[in-house]
PDB file of N, CA and C in Angstrom:
ATOM      1  N   UNK A   1      10.447  13.691   7.136  1.00  0.00           N
ATOM      2  CA  UNK A   1      10.268  13.379   5.596  1.00  0.00           C
ATOM      3  C   UNK A   1      10.547  12.350   5.484  1.00  0.00           C
ATOM      4  N   UNK A   2      10.067  11.677   4.511  1.00  0.00           N
ATOM      5  CA  UNK A   2      10.001  10.424   4.171  1.00  0.00           C
ATOM      6  C   UNK A   2      10.545  10.724   2.947  1.00  0.00           C
ATOM      7  N   UNK A   3      11.616  10.079   3.013  1.00  0.00           N
ATOM      8  CA  UNK A   3      12.072  10.145   1.311  1.00  0.00           C
ATOM      9  C   UNK A   3      12.970   8.321   0.588  1.00  0.00           C
ATOM     10  N   UNK A   4      12.190   7.116   1.437  1.00  0.00           N
ATOM     11  CA  UNK A   4      12.701   5.923   0.640  1.00  0.00           C
ATOM     12  C   UNK A   4      11.029   5.430   0.833  1.00  0.00           C
ATOM     13  N   UNK A   5      10.394   3.656   0.309  1.00  0.00           N
ATOM     14  CA  UNK A   5       9.445   3.246   0.489  1.00  0.00           C
ATOM     15  C   UNK A   5       9.292   2.863   2.073  1.00  0.00           C
ATOM     16  N   UNK A   6      10.504   2.305   2.619  1.00  0.00           N
ATOM     17  CA  UNK A   6      10.950   1.792   3.105  1.00  0.00           C
ATOM     18  C   UNK A   6      10.267   3.152   4.491  1.00  0.00           C
ATOM     19  N   UNK A   7      10.762   4.373   4.337  1.00  0.00           N
ATOM     20  CA  UNK A   7       9.896   5.610   5.565  1.00  0.00           C
ATOM     21  C   UNK A   7       8.723   5.408   5.526  1.00  0.00           C
ATOM     22  N   UNK A   8       8.028   4.827   4.409  1.00  0.00           N
ATOM     23  CA  UNK A   8       6.784   5.116   3.715  1.00  0.00           C
ATOM     24  C   UNK A   8       6.071   4.241   4.542  1.00  0.00           C
ATOM     25  N   UNK A   9       6.471   2.844   4.814  1.00  0.00           N
ATOM     26  CA  UNK A   9       5.597   1.782   5.085  1.00  0.00           C
ATOM     27  C   UNK A   9       6.169   2.081   6.990  1.00  0.00           C
ATOM     28  N   UNK A  10       7.075   2.218   7.479  1.00  0.00           N
ATOM     29  CA  UNK A  10       7.554   2.762   8.724  1.00  0.00           C
ATOM     30  C   UNK A  10       6.224   3.379   9.463  1.00  0.00           C
ATOM     31  N   UNK A  11       6.314   4.169   8.347  1.00  0.00           N
ATOM     32  CA  UNK A  11       4.522   5.617   8.705  1.00  0.00           C
ATOM     33  C   UNK A  11       3.386   5.154   8.878  1.00  0.00           C
ATOM     34  N   UNK A  12       3.274   4.334   8.238  1.00  0.00           N
ATOM     35  CA  UNK A  12       1.774   3.199   8.013  1.00  0.00           C
ATOM     36  C   UNK A  12       1.889   2.320   8.513  1.00  0.00           C
ATOM     37  N   UNK A  13       2.410   2.027   9.042  1.00  0.00           N
ATOM     38  CA  UNK A  13       2.564   0.508  10.467  1.00  0.00           C
ATOM     39  C   UNK A  13       2.794   1.679  11.625  1.00  0.00           C
ATOM     40  N   UNK A  14       3.453   2.877  11.494  1.00  0.00           N
ATOM     41  CA  UNK A  14       3.085   3.791  12.761  1.00  0.00           C
ATOM     42  C   UNK A  14       1.739   4.523  13.212  1.00  0.00           C
ATOM     43  N   UNK A  15       1.407   4.843  11.912  1.00  0.00           N
ATOM     44  CA  UNK A  15      -0.258   4.988  12.241  1.00  0.00           C
ATOM     45  C   UNK A  15      -1.119   4.563  12.486  1.00  0.00           C
ATOM     46  N   UNK A  16      -1.269   2.414  12.071  1.00  0.00           N
ATOM     47  CA  UNK A  16      -1.536   2.031  11.623  1.00  0.00           C
ATOM     48  C   UNK A  16      -2.351   1.373  13.342  1.00  0.00           C
ATOM     49  N   UNK A  17      -0.264   1.485  13.804  1.00  0.00           N
ATOM     50  CA  UNK A  17      -0.239   1.278  15.063  1.00  0.00           C
ATOM     51  C   UNK A  17      -1.265   2.197  16.263  1.00  0.00           C
ATOM     52  N   UNK A  18      -0.823   3.187  16.171  1.00  0.00           N
ATOM     53  CA  UNK A  18      -1.590   4.712  17.009  1.00  0.00           C
ATOM     54  C   UNK A  18      -2.861   4.666  17.045  1.00  0.00           C
ATOM     55  N   UNK A  19      -3.379   3.957  15.160  1.00  0.00           N
ATOM     56  CA  UNK A  19      -5.142   4.129  15.453  1.00  0.00           C
ATOM     57  C   UNK A  19      -5.392   2.760  16.045  1.00  0.00           C
ATOM     58  N   UNK A  20      -5.091   1.748  16.661  1.00  0.00           N
ATOM     59  CA  UNK A  20      -5.635   1.074  17.395  1.00  0.00           C
ATOM     60  C   UNK A  20      -5.722  -0.363  16.604  1.00  0.00           C
ATOM     61  N   UNK A  21      -5.943  -0.661  15.247  1.00  0.00           N
ATOM     62  CA  UNK A  21      -6.155  -1.169  14.032  1.00  0.00           C
ATOM     63  C   UNK A  21      -4.816  -2.350  14.232  1.00  0.00           C
ATOM     64  N   UNK A  22      -6.416  -2.706  13.829  1.00  0.00           N
ATOM     65  CA  UNK A  22      -4.723  -4.450  12.737  1.00  0.00           C
ATOM     66  C   UNK A  22      -4.514  -4.520  11.942  1.00  0.00           C
ATOM     67  N   UNK A  23      -3.904  -5.667  11.126  1.00  0.00           N
ATOM     68  CA  UNK A  23      -3.229  -4.929   9.953  1.00  0.00           C
ATOM     69  C   UNK A  23      -5.173  -5.385   8.814  1.00  0.00           C
ATOM     70  N   UNK A  24      -4.971  -6.638   9.753  1.00  0.00           N
ATOM     71  CA  UNK A  24      -6.363  -6.404   8.219  1.00  0.00           C
ATOM     72  C   UNK A  24      -7.418  -5.860   8.630  1.00  0.00           C
ATOM     73  N   UNK A  25      -7.857  -5.276  10.133  1.00  0.00           N
ATOM     74  CA  UNK A  25      -8.598  -4.159   9.870  1.00  0.00           C
ATOM     75  C   UNK A  25      -8.524  -3.064   9.334  1.00  0.00           C
ATOM     76  N   UNK A  26      -7.351  -2.801   9.294  1.00  0.00           N
ATOM     77  CA  UNK A  26      -7.012  -1.509   8.415  1.00  0.00           C
ATOM     78  C   UNK A  26      -7.372  -1.799   6.931  1.00  0.00           C
ATOM     79  N   UNK A  27      -7.063  -3.300   6.502  1.00  0.00           N
ATOM     80  CA  UNK A  27      -6.921  -3.662   5.453  1.00  0.00           C
ATOM     81  C   UNK A  27      -8.153  -4.238   5.077  1.00  0.00           C
ATOM     82  N   UNK A  28      -9.282  -4.634   5.493  1.00  0.00           N
ATOM     83  CA  UNK A  28     -10.698  -4.276   5.122  1.00  0.00           C
ATOM     84  C   UNK A  28     -11.653  -2.537   4.807  1.00  0.00           C
ATOM     85  N   UNK A  29     -10.889  -1.651   5.914  1.00  0.00           N
ATOM     86  CA  UNK A  29     -11.057  -0.807   5.818  1.00  0.00           C
ATOM     87  C   UNK A  29     -10.771   0.106   4.376  1.00  0.00           C
ATOM     88  N   UNK A  30      -9.583  -0.690   3.910  1.00  0.00           N
ATOM     89  CA  UNK A  30      -8.716   0.170   2.890  1.00  0.00           C
ATOM     90  C   UNK A  30      -9.051  -0.450   1.473  1.00  0.00           C
ATOM     91  N   UNK A  31     -10.410  -1.517   1.393  1.00  0.00           N
ATOM     92  CA  UNK A  31     -10.540  -2.464   0.210  1.00  0.00           C
ATOM     93  C   UNK A  31      -9.118  -3.293   0.252  1.00  0.00           C
ATOM     94  N   UNK A  32      -7.871  -3.338   0.719  1.00  0.00           N
ATOM     95  CA  UNK A  32      -7.260  -4.454   0.136  1.00  0.00           C
ATOM     96  C   UNK A  32      -7.156  -5.526   1.100  1.00  0.00           C
ATOM     97  N   UNK A  33      -6.105  -5.891   0.442  1.00  0.00           N
ATOM     98  CA  UNK A  33      -5.403  -7.282   0.846  1.00  0.00           C
ATOM     99  C   UNK A  33      -4.689  -7.532   2.633  1.00  0.00           C
ATOM    100  N   UNK A  34      -4.585  -7.984   3.678  1.00  0.00           N
ATOM    101  CA  UNK A  34      -3.885  -8.038   4.731  1.00  0.00           C
ATOM    102  C   UNK A  34      -2.572  -8.047   4.129  1.00  0.00           C
ATOM    103  N   UNK A  35      -2.197  -9.097   3.530  1.00  0.00           N
ATOM    104  CA  UNK A  35      -0.900  -9.430   2.428  1.00  0.00           C
ATOM    105  C   UNK A  35       0.249  -8.122   1.883  1.00  0.00           C
ATOM    106  N   UNK A  36      -1.101  -7.601   1.186  1.00  0.00           N
ATOM    107  CA  UNK A  36      -1.430  -6.081   0.867  1.00  0.00           C
ATOM    108  C   UNK A  36      -0.315  -5.252   1.784  1.00  0.00           C
ATOM    109  N   UNK A  37      -0.759  -4.854   2.654  1.00  0.00           N
ATOM    110  CA  UNK A  37      -0.353  -4.260   4.225  1.00  0.00           C
ATOM    111  C   UNK A  37       0.997  -4.096   4.739  1.00  0.00           C
ATOM    112  N   UNK A  38       0.509  -5.228   4.899  1.00  0.00           N
ATOM    113  CA  UNK A  38       2.144  -6.228   5.791  1.00  0.00           C
ATOM    114  C   UNK A  38       3.410  -6.044   4.360  1.00  0.00           C
ATOM    115  N   UNK A  39       2.856  -6.321   2.771  1.00  0.00           N
ATOM    116  CA  UNK A  39       4.316  -5.656   2.163  1.00  0.00           C
ATOM    117  C   UNK A  39       4.374  -4.415   1.978  1.00  0.00           C
ATOM    118  N   UNK A  40       3.255  -3.102   1.990  1.00  0.00           N
ATOM    119  CA  UNK A  40       2.722  -2.042   2.070  1.00  0.00           C
ATOM    120  C   UNK A  40       4.294  -1.677   3.418  1.00  0.00           C
ATOM    121  N   UNK A  41       3.865  -1.943   5.059  1.00  0.00           N
ATOM    122  CA  UNK A  41       4.484  -1.952   5.788  1.00  0.00           C
ATOM    123  C   UNK A  41       5.921  -2.069   5.753  1.00  0.00           C
ATOM    124  N   UNK A  42       6.072  -3.387   4.854  1.00  0.00           N
ATOM    125  CA  UNK A  42       7.983  -3.070   5.053  1.00  0.00           C
ATOM    126  C   UNK A  42       8.350  -2.748   3.750  1.00  0.00           C
ATOM    127  N   UNK A  43       8.287  -2.105   3.340  1.00  0.00           N
ATOM    128  CA  UNK A  43       8.468  -1.172   1.890  1.00  0.00           C
ATOM    129  C   UNK A  43       8.713  -1.739   0.928  1.00  0.00           C
ATOM    130  N   UNK A  44       8.266  -2.904   0.610  1.00  0.00           N
ATOM    131  CA  UNK A  44       7.942  -4.054  -0.354  1.00  0.00           C
ATOM    132  C   UNK A  44       6.768  -3.902  -1.213  1.00  0.00           C
ATOM    133  N   UNK A  45       5.499  -3.160  -1.385  1.00  0.00           N
ATOM    134  CA  UNK A  45       4.701  -3.092  -2.180  1.00  0.00           C
ATOM    135  C   UNK A  45       4.093  -1.816  -2.231  1.00  0.00           C
ATOM    136  N   UNK A  46       3.649  -0.839  -2.447  1.00  0.00           N
ATOM    137  CA  UNK A  46       3.653  -1.356  -4.464  1.00  0.00           C
ATOM    138  C   UNK A  46       5.381  -0.804  -4.552  1.00  0.00           C
ATOM    139  N   UNK A  47       6.920  -1.730  -4.658  1.00  0.00           N
ATOM    140  CA  UNK A  47       7.505  -1.946  -4.460  1.00  0.00           C
ATOM    141  C   UNK A  47       8.070  -0.810  -5.889  1.00  0.00           C
ATOM    142  N   UNK A  48       7.761  -1.508  -6.778  1.00  0.00           N
ATOM    143  CA  UNK A  48       8.583  -1.260  -8.085  1.00  0.00           C
ATOM    144  C   UNK A  48       8.527   0.041  -8.664  1.00  0.00           C
ATOM    145  N   UNK A  49       6.842   0.659  -8.533  1.00  0.00           N
ATOM    146  CA  UNK A  49       6.078   2.007  -8.812  1.00  0.00           C
ATOM    147  C   UNK A  49       6.982   3.283  -7.655  1.00  0.00           C
ATOM    148  N   UNK A  50       7.068   2.235  -6.453  1.00  0.00           N
ATOM    149  CA  UNK A  50       6.760   3.674  -5.739  1.00  0.00           C
ATOM    150  C   UNK A  50       7.994   3.709  -5.530  1.00  0.00           C
ATOM    151  N   UNK A  51       8.864   3.066  -5.497  1.00  0.00           N
ATOM    152  CA  UNK A  51      10.904   3.050  -5.570  1.00  0.00           C
ATOM    153  C   UNK A  51      10.978   3.561  -6.607  1.00  0.00           C
ATOM    154  N   UNK A  52      10.523   4.219  -8.114  1.00  0.00           N
ATOM    155  CA  UNK A  52      10.371   4.838  -8.616  1.00  0.00           C
ATOM    156  C   UNK A  52      10.006   6.062  -8.878  1.00  0.00           C
ATOM    157  N   UNK A  53       8.965   5.927  -7.754  1.00  0.00           N
ATOM    158  CA  UNK A  53       8.627   7.919  -7.405  1.00  0.00           C
ATOM    159  C   UNK A  53       9.711   8.245  -6.754  1.00  0.00           C
ATOM    160  N   UNK A  54      10.166   7.936  -5.324  1.00  0.00           N
ATOM    161  CA  UNK A  54      10.797   7.961  -4.932  1.00  0.00           C
ATOM    162  C   UNK A  54      11.909   8.608  -5.206  1.00  0.00           C
ATOM    163  N   UNK A  55      12.788   7.718  -6.219  1.00  0.00           N
ATOM    164  CA  UNK A  55      13.941   7.620  -7.351  1.00  0.00           C
ATOM    165  C   UNK A  55      13.694   9.615  -7.687  1.00  0.00           C
ATOM    166  N   UNK A  56      12.833   9.683  -8.372  1.00  0.00           N
ATOM    167  CA  UNK A  56      12.413  10.496  -9.197  1.00  0.00           C
ATOM    168  C   UNK A  56      12.226  12.446  -8.265  1.00  0.00           C
ATOM    169  N   UNK A  57      11.845  11.797  -6.960  1.00  0.00           N
ATOM    170  CA  UNK A  57      11.965  12.596  -5.830  1.00  0.00           C
ATOM    171  C   UNK A  57      13.443  12.815  -5.435  1.00  0.00           C
ATOM    172  N   UNK A  58      14.143  12.032  -5.405  1.00  0.00           N
ATOM    173  CA  UNK A  58      15.546  12.223  -4.688  1.00  0.00           C
ATOM    174  C   UNK A  58      16.317  12.892  -5.888  1.00  0.00           C
ATOM    175  N   UNK A  59      16.185  12.683  -7.152  1.00  0.00           N
ATOM    176  CA  UNK A  59      16.878  13.472  -7.928  1.00  0.00           C
ATOM    177  C   UNK A  59      16.593  14.987  -8.233  1.00  0.00           C
ATOM    178  N   UNK A  60      15.689  15.578  -7.905  1.00  0.00           N
ATOM    179  CA  UNK A  60      15.361  16.490  -7.836  1.00  0.00           C
ATOM    180  C   UNK A  60      14.591  17.429  -6.257  1.00  0.00           C
ATOM    181  N   UNK A  61      15.936  16.447  -5.364  1.00  0.00           N
ATOM    182  CA  UNK A  61      15.697  16.770  -3.894  1.00  0.00           C
ATOM    183  C   UNK A  61      15.227  17.078  -3.262  1.00  0.00           C
ATOM    184  N   UNK A  62      13.934  16.380  -3.292  1.00  0.00           N
ATOM    185  CA  UNK A  62      12.156  16.390  -2.581  1.00  0.00           C
ATOM    186  C   UNK A  62      12.302  15.048  -1.996  1.00  0.00           C
ATOM    187  N   UNK A  63      11.398  15.830  -0.916  1.00  0.00           N
ATOM    188  CA  UNK A  63      10.600  13.921  -0.313  1.00  0.00           C
ATOM    189  C   UNK A  63       8.906  14.258   0.006  1.00  0.00           C
ATOM    190  N   UNK A  64       7.986  13.565   1.055  1.00  0.00           N
ATOM    191  CA  UNK A  64       7.515  13.293   1.351  1.00  0.00           C
ATOM    192  C   UNK A  64       7.106  13.411   1.888  1.00  0.00           C
ATOM    193  N   UNK A  65       5.976  14.577   3.264  1.00  0.00           N
ATOM    194  CA  UNK A  65       6.059  14.795   4.572  1.00  0.00           C
ATOM    195  C   UNK A  65       4.087  14.476   4.712  1.00  0.00           C
ATOM    196  N   UNK A  66       4.275  13.591   5.435  1.00  0.00           N
ATOM    197  CA  UNK A  66       2.565  13.303   6.319  1.00  0.00           C
ATOM    198  C   UNK A  66       2.240  14.046   6.802  1.00  0.00           C
ATOM    199  N   UNK A  67       0.367  14.464   6.796  1.00  0.00           N
ATOM    200  CA  UNK A  67       0.348  15.768   7.856  1.00  0.00           C
ATOM    201  C   UNK A  67      -1.217  14.612   8.225  1.00  0.00           C
ATOM    202  N   UNK A  68      -1.695  15.144   9.408  1.00  0.00           N
ATOM    203  CA  UNK A  68      -2.922  14.556   9.807  1.00  0.00           C
ATOM    204  C   UNK A  68      -3.902  15.097   8.264  1.00  0.00           C
ATOM    205  N   UNK A  69      -4.893  14.764   8.262  1.00  0.00           N
ATOM    206  CA  UNK A  69      -6.408  15.530   7.608  1.00  0.00           C
ATOM    207  C   UNK A  69      -6.697  16.075   8.326  1.00  0.00           C
ATOM    208  N   UNK A  70      -7.172  16.434  10.053  1.00  0.00           N
ATOM    209  CA  UNK A  70      -7.361  17.238  10.649  1.00  0.00           C
ATOM    210  C   UNK A  70      -5.768  17.706  11.331  1.00  0.00           C
ATOM    211  N   UNK A  71      -6.071  19.042  11.240  1.00  0.00           N
ATOM    212  CA  UNK A  71      -4.077  19.618  11.782  1.00  0.00           C
ATOM    213  C   UNK A  71      -4.711  19.658  13.502  1.00  0.00           C
ATOM    214  N   UNK A  72      -5.223  18.982  13.843  1.00  0.00           N
ATOM    215  CA  UNK A  72      -5.258  19.146  15.503  1.00  0.00           C
ATOM    216  C   UNK A  72      -4.319  18.141  16.265  1.00  0.00           C
ATOM    217  N   UNK A  73      -3.116  18.894  16.400  1.00  0.00           N
ATOM    218  CA  UNK A  73      -2.357  17.878  17.353  1.00  0.00           C
ATOM    219  C   UNK A  73      -2.298  16.826  18.514  1.00  0.00           C
ATOM    220  N   UNK A  74      -3.018  16.595  18.784  1.00  0.00           N
ATOM    221  CA  UNK A  74      -3.266  15.845  20.170  1.00  0.00           C
ATOM    222  C   UNK A  74      -3.723  14.081  19.034  1.00  0.00           C
ATOM    223  N   UNK A  75      -4.835  14.312  18.222  1.00  0.00           N
ATOM    224  CA  UNK A  75      -5.180  13.708  17.128  1.00  0.00           C
ATOM    225  C   UNK A  75      -3.724  13.247  16.572  1.00  0.00           C
ATOM    226  N   UNK A  76      -2.914  13.699  16.296  1.00  0.00           N
ATOM    227  CA  UNK A  76      -2.076  13.192  15.391  1.00  0.00           C
ATOM    228  C   UNK A  76      -1.007  12.353  15.092  1.00  0.00           C
ATOM    229  N   UNK A  77      -1.136  11.300  14.533  1.00  0.00           N
ATOM    230  CA  UNK A  77      -0.233  10.207  14.826  1.00  0.00           C
ATOM    231  C   UNK A  77       0.484   9.857  14.391  1.00  0.00           C
ATOM    232  N   UNK A  78       1.013  10.963  13.644  1.00  0.00           N
ATOM    233  CA  UNK A  78       2.673  11.276  13.661  1.00  0.00           C
ATOM    234  C   UNK A  78       3.132  12.126  14.360  1.00  0.00           C
ATOM    235  N   UNK A  79       2.665  12.932  14.448  1.00  0.00           N
ATOM    236  CA  UNK A  79       3.706  13.368  16.052  1.00  0.00           C
ATOM    237  C   UNK A  79       4.814  13.182  16.860  1.00  0.00           C
ATOM    238  N   UNK A  80       4.921  11.909  16.974  1.00  0.00           N
ATOM    239  CA  UNK A  80       5.777  11.913  18.128  1.00  0.00           C
ATOM    240  C   UNK A  80       7.047  11.404  16.963  1.00  0.00           C
ATOM    241  N   UNK A  81       6.444  10.969  15.777  1.00  0.00           N
ATOM    242  CA  UNK A  81       7.043  10.307  14.882  1.00  0.00           C
ATOM    243  C   UNK A  81       7.957  11.291  14.298  1.00  0.00           C
ATOM    244  N   UNK A  82       7.556  12.390  13.292  1.00  0.00           N
ATOM    245  CA  UNK A  82       8.144  12.901  12.717  1.00  0.00           C
ATOM    246  C   UNK A  82       7.636  14.948  13.546  1.00  0.00           C
ATOM    247  N   UNK A  83       7.545  14.617  14.187  1.00  0.00           N
ATOM    248  CA  UNK A  83       6.968  16.702  14.965  1.00  0.00           C
ATOM    249  C   UNK A  83       5.573  16.874  13.985  1.00  0.00           C
ATOM    250  N   UNK A  84       5.271  18.130  15.170  1.00  0.00           N
ATOM    251  CA  UNK A  84       3.652  18.783  14.524  1.00  0.00           C
ATOM    252  C   UNK A  84       3.996  19.416  13.386  1.00  0.00           C
ATOM    253  N   UNK A  85       2.833  19.121  12.350  1.00  0.00           N
ATOM    254  CA  UNK A  85       3.256  20.339  11.539  1.00  0.00           C
ATOM    255  C   UNK A  85       3.094  21.752  12.019  1.00  0.00           C
ATOM    256  N   UNK A  86       3.615  22.808  11.375  1.00  0.00           N
ATOM    257  CA  UNK A  86       3.173  24.298  11.519  1.00  0.00           C
ATOM    258  C   UNK A  86       2.331  24.842  11.159  1.00  0.00           C
TER     259      UNK A  86
END
């Protein structure tokens, strides 16, 4: 369960590493600058808006759960970090 911008950044970093991508490769594929990926992974960007989102979710007692687009456990880059979806 993700409850902070830093949690989201760590999940992105973990998934990028699991996919064998460098920050530059991820940035190129996503159409963003490498520095943006760096800030996202450290929880610094897009900090202002994302913090607000997580603040609102916290007030509502909610968090964010990331699930793979294909629910194939052996391809799930988050399985080690968050457990497999049921």
